[in-house]
Structure formats: C-alpha cells, structure tokens
Amino acid sequence: MKDTIRNIAIKLSSCYNARECNSIARYIVEEISGLSFTDILVKDTKFSEVDREKIEEITKRLLDGEPLQYVLGYSYFCDLKICVNNNVLIPRPETEELCRLIIERERNNSPKILDVCTGSGCIALSLKNGIMNSEVEGVDISEEALGVARINSQECKCDVDFFKYDVIEESPKITKKYDIIVSNPPYICQFEKEKMESNVLDNEPHLALFVSNEKPLVFYDKIAETGLNILSKGGKLYFEINPLFHNELHNMLSLKGYSNIEIIKDINERKRFIVCTKT
C-alpha cells in the first residue's frame, strides 16, 4: 500500500504540488482500504483487483480536474459523512467553524432553526446532530440540491425537513417562527472569479457561489428582511460572509434594527461570520 500511495502521488504531480499529492494519495488509500495510515504502514495488505481499478478511476478523474470530494461522492463535515455531487457545494472548513460556533452557543437551548440556502444540508444536519433538542428545517431554490440534502438526512439519521424556497422572491411565504436563521448564501462577486481555482469554477454550482458585482449583499438583505417577520423576539441571525463586505453588512443589519452585531474571524483571521439579534 505504501507503493500505491507513492504511485498515486507521482501521477498527480502534474496537477498538484508535492504536499498535496502526498496528502491526496494517502487519503485515497485510507478511504479505499478502510485502514488508518498507521495500519497501512504496519500491515502488508494487498489491494484487490476491484480496488486497484477504483484507484485508477479516482486518479484519472482527479487528473481531469474534478474535486476529490465529487470523485468519492462524499465529504466529512462536523463528524458527519455528507454526500456531495456537482449539484451542491463541497462543504468548507469555514462553514464547519460556523456550525461549531452555533453548537457551542446554543447546545443547552431547544431552538427552532431555519437553514437558508441549505445546499447539501450540511449546516442543518450538523446543527440537528449537535444540538440535542433542536428542531431544524432547511430551504433551497434548487430541487437537485434538496434531493442531495434529503439523502443526507436519511444517511445521517438526522430528522431535518427540507423544502423549496426562493429567498429572493420570498416564495412560498414562510409563516412559522424560528429562534435561529443560519445561512451561507452565495456571496462571491463576479470580479473575484479570476482568483479562484479552475476545479471550483469548472465543477461547483455557480448558482450557489456567485452574486453580481452590483448587489453583493442581495441574499443577506432578503434573509435579514425575512428574519424581521419570522424570527422570535431575541432570535438570532448567523451568517457566513464575504470578508470584503463586513462593514456594509454590519451597517445594513443595524439599519434594519438588529442589535448585538458581532463580526467574528475564522481560523485564518478573516472576518468570516456575523451574528446579530432581533430585538
């Protein structure tokens, strides 16, 4: 198996740097074998012909520029195995930070939570899994994404309802009351595309990534406005945000009457999250 890791890394060297090659190769072998890296080093285990063919196919797709998570069909997120395909975004570490922040703050409560722009459902499912007495729903405009989220709900054994909702048109009207609205909406401007990796641009759904240069806060504005009607008194908004617009978003939320507005940095010291309260 050590030779297999080495061979995969060599093949990937035309597309990835040495560190990435070794990391990806090791991950592939661990996933296909079901063994830890320590066991791989210690045991003299051989791959079956079927497994060798799987590894060849995975390597080929990676060389074609497809992200590893789509190739495998899943990603790990907040201790859950989340199914992903090109109808949903690959969950990011920053989003996991947001979920852990919410779980830490709300784990002793029994909140009713709405996840807007849910995608794969990773946020909704991790909150349901991490906050014992929560009631969680997720909404998205994409039927394909909702299909993935429902599969994840079943696979993760998390009781979360997912339904179609167009946040821009506010349709259908939401009449329930929630204690928390959380969202990681589209927030990357068109002008930022040139700095992005091609495997993201070529594979992940642009509907879930991009907003216009002219209206970078359009989703936040709509969600915050909706929150004024469906959040209970003292209810909270939790947003993942584009660090470029943290001041504008802070001002917008303040003008709408939200209080206790916090801007929180991610692990890379970027202003990545906003939390506020409906008074």
Protein backbone atom coordinates (compact mmCIF):
# COMPACT_ATOMS: atom_id res chain seq x y z
CA MET A 1 0.00 0.00 0.00
CA LYS A 2 2.93 2.34 0.60
CA ASP A 3 3.92 1.77 -3.01
CA THR A 4 0.37 2.59 -4.08
CA ILE A 5 0.49 5.91 -2.22
CA ARG A 6 3.80 6.70 -3.88
CA ASN A 7 2.49 5.81 -7.35
CA ILE A 8 -0.66 7.91 -6.96
CA ALA A 9 1.39 10.88 -5.79
CA ILE A 10 3.68 10.59 -8.81
CA LYS A 11 0.72 10.51 -11.19
CA LEU A 12 -0.87 13.56 -9.56
CA SER A 13 2.33 15.61 -9.61
CA SER A 14 1.40 17.27 -12.90
CA CYS A 15 -1.66 18.89 -11.26
CA TYR A 16 -0.78 19.32 -7.59
CA ASN A 17 2.23 20.36 -5.54
CA ALA A 18 4.21 17.69 -3.69
CA ARG A 19 2.47 18.21 -0.36
CA GLU A 20 -0.99 17.99 -1.93
CA CYS A 21 -0.02 14.92 -3.94
CA ASN A 22 1.08 13.02 -0.86
CA SER A 23 -1.92 14.13 1.18
CA ILE A 24 -4.44 13.20 -1.52
CA ALA A 25 -2.73 9.88 -2.27
CA ARG A 26 -2.73 8.92 1.40
CA TYR A 27 -6.39 9.92 1.76
CA ILE A 28 -7.43 7.84 -1.25
CA VAL A 29 -5.66 4.74 0.06
CA GLU A 30 -7.14 5.20 3.54
CA GLU A 31 -10.65 5.56 2.12
CA ILE A 32 -10.44 2.63 -0.28
CA SER A 33 -8.73 0.28 2.19
CA GLY A 34 -10.68 1.37 5.27
CA LEU A 35 -7.40 1.39 7.18
CA SER A 36 -5.71 4.12 9.19
CA PHE A 37 -2.39 5.43 7.95
CA THR A 38 -0.66 3.67 10.86
CA ASP A 39 -2.16 0.32 9.83
CA ILE A 40 -1.15 0.98 6.23
CA LEU A 41 2.45 1.45 7.33
CA VAL A 42 2.44 -1.64 9.55
CA LYS A 43 0.35 -4.17 7.64
CA ASP A 44 1.43 -5.77 4.39
CA THR A 45 -2.07 -5.69 2.89
CA LYS A 46 -2.69 -6.01 -0.84
CA PHE A 47 -5.46 -4.33 -2.80
CA SER A 48 -7.91 -6.47 -4.72
CA GLU A 49 -8.23 -6.02 -8.47
CA VAL A 50 -11.52 -4.18 -7.93
CA ASP A 51 -9.89 -1.74 -5.51
CA ARG A 52 -6.97 -1.16 -7.89
CA GLU A 53 -9.45 -0.30 -10.63
CA LYS A 54 -11.23 2.11 -8.26
CA ILE A 55 -7.94 3.84 -7.50
CA GLU A 56 -7.13 4.13 -11.21
CA GLU A 57 -10.54 5.69 -11.90
CA ILE A 58 -10.23 8.12 -8.99
CA THR A 59 -6.76 9.18 -10.12
CA LYS A 60 -7.94 9.71 -13.70
CA ARG A 61 -10.83 11.91 -12.62
CA LEU A 62 -8.55 13.95 -10.38
CA LEU A 63 -6.17 14.49 -13.31
CA ASP A 64 -9.18 15.72 -15.31
CA GLY A 65 -9.66 18.45 -12.70
CA GLU A 66 -12.59 17.00 -10.74
CA PRO A 67 -12.50 17.71 -6.98
CA LEU A 68 -11.73 14.70 -4.78
CA GLN A 69 -14.99 15.02 -2.83
CA TYR A 70 -17.06 14.74 -6.01
CA VAL A 71 -14.96 11.80 -7.18
CA LEU A 72 -15.54 9.96 -3.90
CA GLY A 73 -19.14 11.19 -3.63
CA TYR A 74 -18.85 12.40 -0.06
CA SER A 75 -17.11 14.77 2.33
CA TYR A 76 -16.71 14.75 6.10
CA PHE A 77 -18.26 17.67 7.96
CA CYS A 78 -18.74 18.14 11.70
CA ASP A 79 -18.41 14.40 12.36
CA LEU A 80 -20.93 13.55 9.62
CA LYS A 81 -20.35 11.87 6.27
CA ILE A 82 -22.09 14.15 3.77
CA CYS A 83 -22.94 13.01 0.24
CA VAL A 84 -21.95 15.57 -2.40
CA ASN A 85 -22.16 15.91 -6.16
CA ASN A 86 -21.94 18.81 -8.58
CA ASN A 87 -25.45 19.97 -7.64
CA VAL A 88 -24.13 21.18 -4.28
CA LEU A 89 -21.07 22.97 -2.94
CA ILE A 90 -18.31 20.98 -1.28
CA PRO A 91 -18.51 21.90 2.44
CA ARG A 92 -15.70 24.21 3.53
CA PRO A 93 -13.77 24.29 6.82
CA GLU A 94 -15.02 27.85 7.42
CA THR A 95 -18.62 26.64 7.30
CA GLU A 96 -17.74 23.94 9.80
CA GLU A 97 -16.38 26.69 12.06
CA LEU A 98 -19.73 28.47 11.83
CA CYS A 99 -21.61 25.30 12.81
CA ARG A 100 -19.34 24.62 15.76
CA LEU A 101 -19.80 28.22 16.91
CA ILE A 102 -23.59 27.84 16.85
CA ILE A 103 -23.49 24.45 18.57
CA GLU A 104 -21.27 25.83 21.32
CA ARG A 105 -23.57 28.79 21.93
CA GLU A 106 -26.92 27.03 21.56
CA ARG A 107 -26.37 23.44 22.72
CA ASN A 108 -28.20 24.00 26.03
CA ASN A 109 -31.25 25.50 24.34
CA SER A 110 -34.09 23.97 22.31
CA PRO A 111 -34.04 26.25 19.25
CA LYS A 112 -36.17 26.14 16.15
CA ILE A 113 -33.65 26.63 13.34
CA LEU A 114 -34.03 27.54 9.67
CA ASP A 115 -31.05 26.99 7.34
CA VAL A 116 -31.46 29.17 4.23
CA CYS A 117 -29.61 28.17 1.02
CA THR A 118 -29.04 24.76 2.59
CA GLY A 119 -27.37 23.05 -0.40
CA SER A 120 -26.20 19.59 0.72
CA GLY A 121 -27.86 20.20 4.09
CA CYS A 122 -24.51 20.04 5.88
CA ILE A 123 -25.28 23.01 8.16
CA ALA A 124 -28.81 21.91 9.03
CA LEU A 125 -27.76 18.33 9.70
CA SER A 126 -24.74 19.22 11.80
CA LEU A 127 -26.85 21.56 13.96
CA LYS A 128 -29.50 18.91 14.42
CA ASN A 129 -26.80 16.41 15.32
CA GLY A 130 -25.01 18.80 17.69
CA ILE A 131 -27.96 20.47 19.46
CA MET A 132 -29.95 17.69 21.05
CA ASN A 133 -33.36 19.33 21.41
CA SER A 134 -33.33 21.45 18.26
CA GLU A 135 -35.93 21.47 15.50
CA VAL A 136 -34.27 22.13 12.16
CA GLU A 137 -35.50 22.85 8.64
CA GLY A 138 -33.52 23.64 5.50
CA VAL A 139 -34.58 25.50 2.36
CA ASP A 140 -33.08 25.97 -1.08
CA ILE A 141 -34.18 27.07 -4.54
CA SER A 142 -32.56 24.06 -6.21
CA GLU A 143 -34.57 20.84 -6.39
CA GLU A 144 -31.37 18.96 -7.21
CA ALA A 145 -29.68 20.28 -4.08
CA LEU A 146 -32.72 19.41 -1.98
CA GLY A 147 -32.56 15.87 -3.32
CA VAL A 148 -28.99 15.59 -2.05
CA ALA A 149 -29.96 17.12 1.32
CA ARG A 150 -32.78 14.60 1.78
CA ILE A 151 -30.43 11.71 1.03
CA ASN A 152 -28.04 13.11 3.64
CA SER A 153 -30.86 13.38 6.17
CA GLN A 154 -31.57 9.68 5.73
CA GLU A 155 -27.93 8.59 5.69
CA CYS A 156 -27.02 10.67 8.75
CA LYS A 157 -30.21 9.64 10.57
CA CYS A 158 -30.99 13.27 11.33
CA ASP A 159 -34.63 14.32 11.35
CA VAL A 160 -34.48 17.50 9.27
CA ASP A 161 -37.17 18.66 6.85
CA PHE A 162 -36.08 20.24 3.57
CA PHE A 163 -38.31 22.22 1.23
CA LYS A 164 -38.07 24.50 -1.78
CA TYR A 165 -37.90 28.24 -1.14
CA ASP A 166 -36.87 31.19 -3.30
CA VAL A 167 -35.35 33.62 -0.82
CA ILE A 168 -35.16 36.48 -3.35
CA GLU A 169 -38.84 36.27 -4.24
CA GLU A 170 -39.75 35.18 -0.67
CA SER A 171 -41.83 32.39 -2.16
CA PRO A 172 -43.56 30.48 -0.76
CA LYS A 173 -44.25 32.73 2.21
CA ILE A 174 -42.85 31.37 5.46
CA THR A 175 -45.21 31.83 8.39
CA LYS A 176 -43.52 29.76 11.11
CA LYS A 177 -41.45 31.37 13.85
CA TYR A 178 -37.81 30.45 14.39
CA ASP A 179 -35.26 31.14 17.09
CA ILE A 180 -32.32 30.99 14.68
CA ILE A 181 -31.83 31.64 11.00
CA VAL A 182 -28.49 30.50 9.65
CA SER A 183 -27.20 30.92 6.13
CA ASN A 184 -24.14 30.51 3.97
CA PRO A 185 -25.65 32.13 0.87
CA PRO A 186 -23.98 32.94 -2.46
CA TYR A 187 -21.53 35.76 -1.71
CA ILE A 188 -18.64 35.67 -4.20
CA CYS A 189 -18.69 38.57 -6.66
CA GLN A 190 -18.12 38.06 -10.37
CA PHE A 191 -14.88 40.07 -10.24
CA GLU A 192 -13.42 37.52 -7.80
CA LYS A 193 -13.59 34.68 -10.32
CA GLU A 194 -10.14 35.36 -11.72
CA LYS A 195 -8.57 34.49 -8.35
CA MET A 196 -10.41 31.19 -7.99
CA GLU A 197 -9.14 27.69 -8.73
CA SER A 198 -10.32 26.19 -12.03
CA ASN A 199 -11.52 22.98 -10.37
CA VAL A 200 -14.01 25.09 -8.37
CA LEU A 201 -15.17 27.15 -11.35
CA ASP A 202 -15.46 24.12 -13.61
CA ASN A 203 -17.28 21.81 -11.21
CA GLU A 204 -19.17 23.52 -8.39
CA PRO A 205 -22.62 25.07 -8.98
CA HIS A 206 -22.34 28.78 -9.81
CA LEU A 207 -25.91 29.30 -8.54
CA ALA A 208 -24.61 28.59 -5.03
CA LEU A 209 -21.41 30.62 -5.37
CA PHE A 210 -21.87 33.92 -7.16
CA VAL A 211 -23.67 37.23 -6.88
CA SER A 212 -23.46 40.26 -9.13
CA ASN A 213 -20.83 42.93 -8.56
CA GLU A 214 -23.62 45.48 -8.24
CA LYS A 215 -25.58 43.67 -5.49
CA PRO A 216 -23.13 41.66 -3.38
CA LEU A 217 -25.43 41.63 -0.32
CA VAL A 218 -28.68 40.77 -2.08
CA PHE A 219 -29.16 37.45 -0.23
CA TYR A 220 -28.24 38.88 3.17
CA ASP A 221 -30.65 41.75 2.67
CA LYS A 222 -33.53 39.43 1.78
CA ILE A 223 -32.80 36.96 4.58
CA ALA A 224 -32.45 39.72 7.17
CA GLU A 225 -35.70 41.30 6.00
CA THR A 226 -37.47 37.94 6.22
CA GLY A 227 -35.96 37.44 9.66
CA LEU A 228 -37.75 40.54 10.94
CA ASN A 229 -41.01 38.69 10.31
CA ILE A 230 -40.20 35.09 11.22
CA LEU A 231 -37.61 35.34 13.98
CA SER A 232 -38.95 35.25 17.52
CA LYS A 233 -38.04 38.13 19.81
CA GLY A 234 -34.41 37.69 20.77
CA GLY A 235 -33.91 35.36 17.82
CA LYS A 236 -30.54 35.32 16.07
CA LEU A 237 -29.14 35.52 12.58
CA TYR A 238 -25.91 33.59 11.94
CA PHE A 239 -24.23 34.33 8.59
CA GLU A 240 -21.12 33.18 6.82
CA ILE A 241 -19.96 36.24 4.88
CA ASN A 242 -17.59 37.63 2.29
CA PRO A 243 -14.89 39.41 4.33
CA LEU A 244 -14.76 42.16 1.68
CA PHE A 245 -18.19 43.43 2.74
CA HIS A 246 -18.27 43.01 6.51
CA ASN A 247 -18.69 46.75 7.14
CA GLU A 248 -21.52 47.12 4.63
CA LEU A 249 -23.30 44.11 6.08
CA HIS A 250 -22.89 45.37 9.63
CA ASN A 251 -24.42 48.71 8.62
CA MET A 252 -27.29 47.08 6.77
CA LEU A 253 -28.21 44.89 9.74
CA SER A 254 -28.00 47.87 12.09
CA LEU A 255 -30.31 49.92 9.86
CA LYS A 256 -32.84 47.10 9.89
CA GLY A 257 -32.88 47.22 13.68
CA TYR A 258 -30.80 44.20 14.59
CA SER A 259 -28.68 44.54 17.74
CA ASN A 260 -25.67 42.88 19.37
CA ILE A 261 -23.99 42.64 15.98
CA GLU A 262 -20.76 40.64 16.17
CA ILE A 263 -18.19 40.19 13.43
CA ILE A 264 -16.20 37.03 14.10
CA LYS A 265 -12.93 35.95 12.49
CA ASP A 266 -12.28 32.48 11.13
CA ILE A 267 -9.19 30.40 11.87
CA ASN A 268 -7.29 32.34 9.19
CA GLU A 269 -8.10 35.66 10.88
CA ARG A 270 -10.53 36.71 8.15
CA LYS A 271 -13.80 38.41 9.12
CA ARG A 272 -15.97 35.48 8.07
CA PHE A 273 -19.07 35.40 10.28
CA ILE A 274 -21.73 37.80 11.53
CA VAL A 275 -24.13 37.15 14.40
CA CYS A 276 -26.92 39.50 15.43
CA THR A 277 -30.14 39.58 17.43
CA LYS A 278 -33.70 40.61 16.60
CA THR A 279 -34.79 42.98 19.34
